[in-house]
C-alpha atoms as a PDB file:
ATOM      1  CA  UNK A   1       0.126   0.083   0.240  1.00  0.00           C
ATOM      2  CA  UNK A   2       2.616   1.614   0.692  1.00  0.00           C
ATOM      3  CA  UNK A   3       1.476   4.284   3.544  1.00  0.00           C
ATOM      4  CA  UNK A   4       4.264   6.522   5.496  1.00  0.00           C
ATOM      5  CA  UNK A   5       3.787   7.502   8.868  1.00  0.00           C
ATOM      6  CA  UNK A   6       5.303   9.396  10.854  1.00  0.00           C
ATOM      7  CA  UNK A   7       5.257  11.012  14.467  1.00  0.00           C
ATOM      8  CA  UNK A   8       3.950  14.115  13.545  1.00  0.00           C
ATOM      9  CA  UNK A   9       1.198  12.662  11.697  1.00  0.00           C
ATOM     10  CA  UNK A  10       0.038  10.650  15.030  1.00  0.00           C
ATOM     11  CA  UNK A  11       0.819  13.470  17.191  1.00  0.00           C
ATOM     12  CA  UNK A  12      -1.908  15.218  15.309  1.00  0.00           C
ATOM     13  CA  UNK A  13      -4.233  12.836  15.178  1.00  0.00           C
ATOM     14  CA  UNK A  14      -3.479  13.217  19.090  1.00  0.00           C
ATOM     15  CA  UNK A  15      -3.710  16.599  20.231  1.00  0.00           C
ATOM     16  CA  UNK A  16      -7.286  16.847  17.017  1.00  0.00           C
ATOM     17  CA  UNK A  17      -8.984  13.737  18.794  1.00  0.00           C
ATOM     18  CA  UNK A  18      -7.874  15.727  23.007  1.00  0.00           C
ATOM     19  CA  UNK A  19     -10.463  18.412  22.414  1.00  0.00           C
ATOM     20  CA  UNK A  20     -13.195  18.130  24.038  1.00  0.00           C
ATOM     21  CA  UNK A  21     -16.155  18.756  21.413  1.00  0.00           C
ATOM     22  CA  UNK A  22     -19.134  21.581  22.791  1.00  0.00           C
ATOM     23  CA  UNK A  23     -22.602  20.608  22.963  1.00  0.00           C
ATOM     24  CA  UNK A  24     -23.366  22.498  19.879  1.00  0.00           C
ATOM     25  CA  UNK A  25     -20.563  20.286  18.285  1.00  0.00           C
ATOM     26  CA  UNK A  26     -22.513  17.318  19.033  1.00  0.00           C
ATOM     27  CA  UNK A  27     -25.738  18.591  18.285  1.00  0.00           C
ATOM     28  CA  UNK A  28     -24.359  19.986  14.678  1.00  0.00           C
ATOM     29  CA  UNK A  29     -23.073  16.515  14.868  1.00  0.00           C
ATOM     30  CA  UNK A  30     -25.695  14.696  15.881  1.00  0.00           C
ATOM     31  CA  UNK A  31     -27.526  15.940  12.808  1.00  0.00           C
ATOM     32  CA  UNK A  32     -25.162  16.073  10.048  1.00  0.00           C
ATOM     33  CA  UNK A  33     -25.579  11.941  11.249  1.00  0.00           C
ATOM     34  CA  UNK A  34     -29.088  12.561  10.671  1.00  0.00           C
ATOM     35  CA  UNK A  35     -29.514  13.886   7.527  1.00  0.00           C
ATOM     36  CA  UNK A  36     -27.005  11.359   6.083  1.00  0.00           C
ATOM     37  CA  UNK A  37     -28.350   8.419   7.023  1.00  0.00           C
ATOM     38  CA  UNK A  38     -32.119  10.420   5.553  1.00  0.00           C
ATOM     39  CA  UNK A  39     -30.588  10.716   2.640  1.00  0.00           C
ATOM     40  CA  UNK A  40     -29.313   6.888   2.414  1.00  0.00           C
ATOM     41  CA  UNK A  41     -32.261   5.131   2.660  1.00  0.00           C
ATOM     42  CA  UNK A  42     -34.966   8.636   0.665  1.00  0.00           C
ATOM     43  CA  UNK A  43     -33.238   6.810  -1.704  1.00  0.00           C
ATOM     44  CA  UNK A  44     -33.704   3.220  -0.902  1.00  0.00           C
ATOM     45  CA  UNK A  45     -37.710   3.303  -0.285  1.00  0.00           C
ATOM     46  CA  UNK A  46     -38.435   5.390  -3.635  1.00  0.00           C
ATOM     47  CA  UNK A  47     -36.696   2.458  -5.111  1.00  0.00           C
ATOM     48  CA  UNK A  48     -38.896  -0.447  -3.269  1.00  0.00           C
ATOM     49  CA  UNK A  49     -42.121   2.186  -3.631  1.00  0.00           C
ATOM     50  CA  UNK A  50     -44.614   0.004  -5.925  1.00  0.00           C
ATOM     51  CA  UNK A  51     -48.168   1.894  -6.570  1.00  0.00           C
ATOM     52  CA  UNK A  52     -50.758   1.685  -4.350  1.00  0.00           C
ATOM     53  CA  UNK A  53     -54.144   1.638  -5.234  1.00  0.00           C
ATOM     54  CA  UNK A  54     -56.999   4.444  -3.416  1.00  0.00           C
ATOM     55  CA  UNK A  55     -58.932   1.765  -2.336  1.00  0.00           C
ATOM     56  CA  UNK A  56     -55.856   0.050  -0.737  1.00  0.00           C
ATOM     57  CA  UNK A  57     -55.545   3.171   1.037  1.00  0.00           C
ATOM     58  CA  UNK A  58     -59.412   3.995   2.655  1.00  0.00           C
ATOM     59  CA  UNK A  59     -59.074  -0.339   2.818  1.00  0.00           C
ATOM     60  CA  UNK A  60     -56.011   0.165   5.496  1.00  0.00           C
ATOM     61  CA  UNK A  61     -56.683   3.906   6.568  1.00  0.00           C
ATOM     62  CA  UNK A  62     -60.368   2.220   7.962  1.00  0.00           C
ATOM     63  CA  UNK A  63     -58.061  -1.238   9.591  1.00  0.00           C
ATOM     64  CA  UNK A  64     -55.752   1.448  11.460  1.00  0.00           C
ATOM     65  CA  UNK A  65     -58.443   3.259  12.577  1.00  0.00           C
ATOM     66  CA  UNK A  66     -60.995   0.106  14.194  1.00  0.00           C
ATOM     67  CA  UNK A  67     -56.436  -0.872  15.777  1.00  0.00           C
ATOM     68  CA  UNK A  68     -56.245   2.803  17.439  1.00  0.00           C
ATOM     69  CA  UNK A  69     -59.725   3.150  19.083  1.00  0.00           C
ATOM     70  CA  UNK A  70     -59.380  -0.615  20.260  1.00  0.00           C
ATOM     71  CA  UNK A  71     -55.934  -0.200  21.555  1.00  0.00           C
ATOM     72  CA  UNK A  72     -57.160   3.749  23.181  1.00  0.00           C
ATOM     73  CA  UNK A  73     -60.065   1.812  24.759  1.00  0.00           C
ATOM     74  CA  UNK A  74     -58.537  -1.670  26.134  1.00  0.00           C
ATOM     75  CA  UNK A  75     -54.973  -0.444  26.933  1.00  0.00           C
ATOM     76  CA  UNK A  76     -53.885   0.149  31.178  1.00  0.00           C
ATOM     77  CA  UNK A  77     -51.688   2.770  29.674  1.00  0.00           C
ATOM     78  CA  UNK A  78     -53.198   5.815  28.804  1.00  0.00           C
ATOM     79  CA  UNK A  79     -49.886   8.082  28.723  1.00  0.00           C
ATOM     80  CA  UNK A  80     -47.923   5.642  26.832  1.00  0.00           C
ATOM     81  CA  UNK A  81     -50.964   4.773  24.569  1.00  0.00           C
ATOM     82  CA  UNK A  82     -51.904   8.321  23.010  1.00  0.00           C
ATOM     83  CA  UNK A  83     -48.116   8.813  22.540  1.00  0.00           C
ATOM     84  CA  UNK A  84     -47.705   5.830  20.608  1.00  0.00           C
ATOM     85  CA  UNK A  85     -51.299   6.509  18.491  1.00  0.00           C
ATOM     86  CA  UNK A  86     -49.748  10.707  17.674  1.00  0.00           C
ATOM     87  CA  UNK A  87     -45.884   9.262  16.588  1.00  0.00           C
ATOM     88  CA  UNK A  88     -47.673   6.710  14.247  1.00  0.00           C
ATOM     89  CA  UNK A  89     -50.213   9.353  13.028  1.00  0.00           C
ATOM     90  CA  UNK A  90     -47.881  11.458  12.682  1.00  0.00           C
ATOM     91  CA  UNK A  91     -45.104   9.914  11.322  1.00  0.00           C
ATOM     92  CA  UNK A  92     -46.982   7.117   9.112  1.00  0.00           C
ATOM     93  CA  UNK A  93     -50.603   7.691   8.553  1.00  0.00           C
ATOM     94  CA  UNK A  94     -50.684  11.398   7.916  1.00  0.00           C
ATOM     95  CA  UNK A  95     -48.983  10.088   4.451  1.00  0.00           C
ATOM     96  CA  UNK A  96     -51.986   8.583   3.681  1.00  0.00           C
ATOM     97  CA  UNK A  97     -54.754  11.243   4.334  1.00  0.00           C
END
């Protein structure tokens, strides 16, 4: 491979990793990672997506409403139930309404 590393390279690497990151730096890194993940997954989603008829969408939305009502009525932890239903509605089902 012909890779040559000298003491200066090692010292520079150690110095770069010695610095502590601020909260802002960490938030920025996390946002960059999320952006990269979204870009990677968005390409995959476009390739895998298939056409869905409006009849199928109407049917699944009806079934989701039934499941949602059942869970809200019978699950013992109402807070967790409401939070989970809201997340699913906001992140998943909103594309079909």
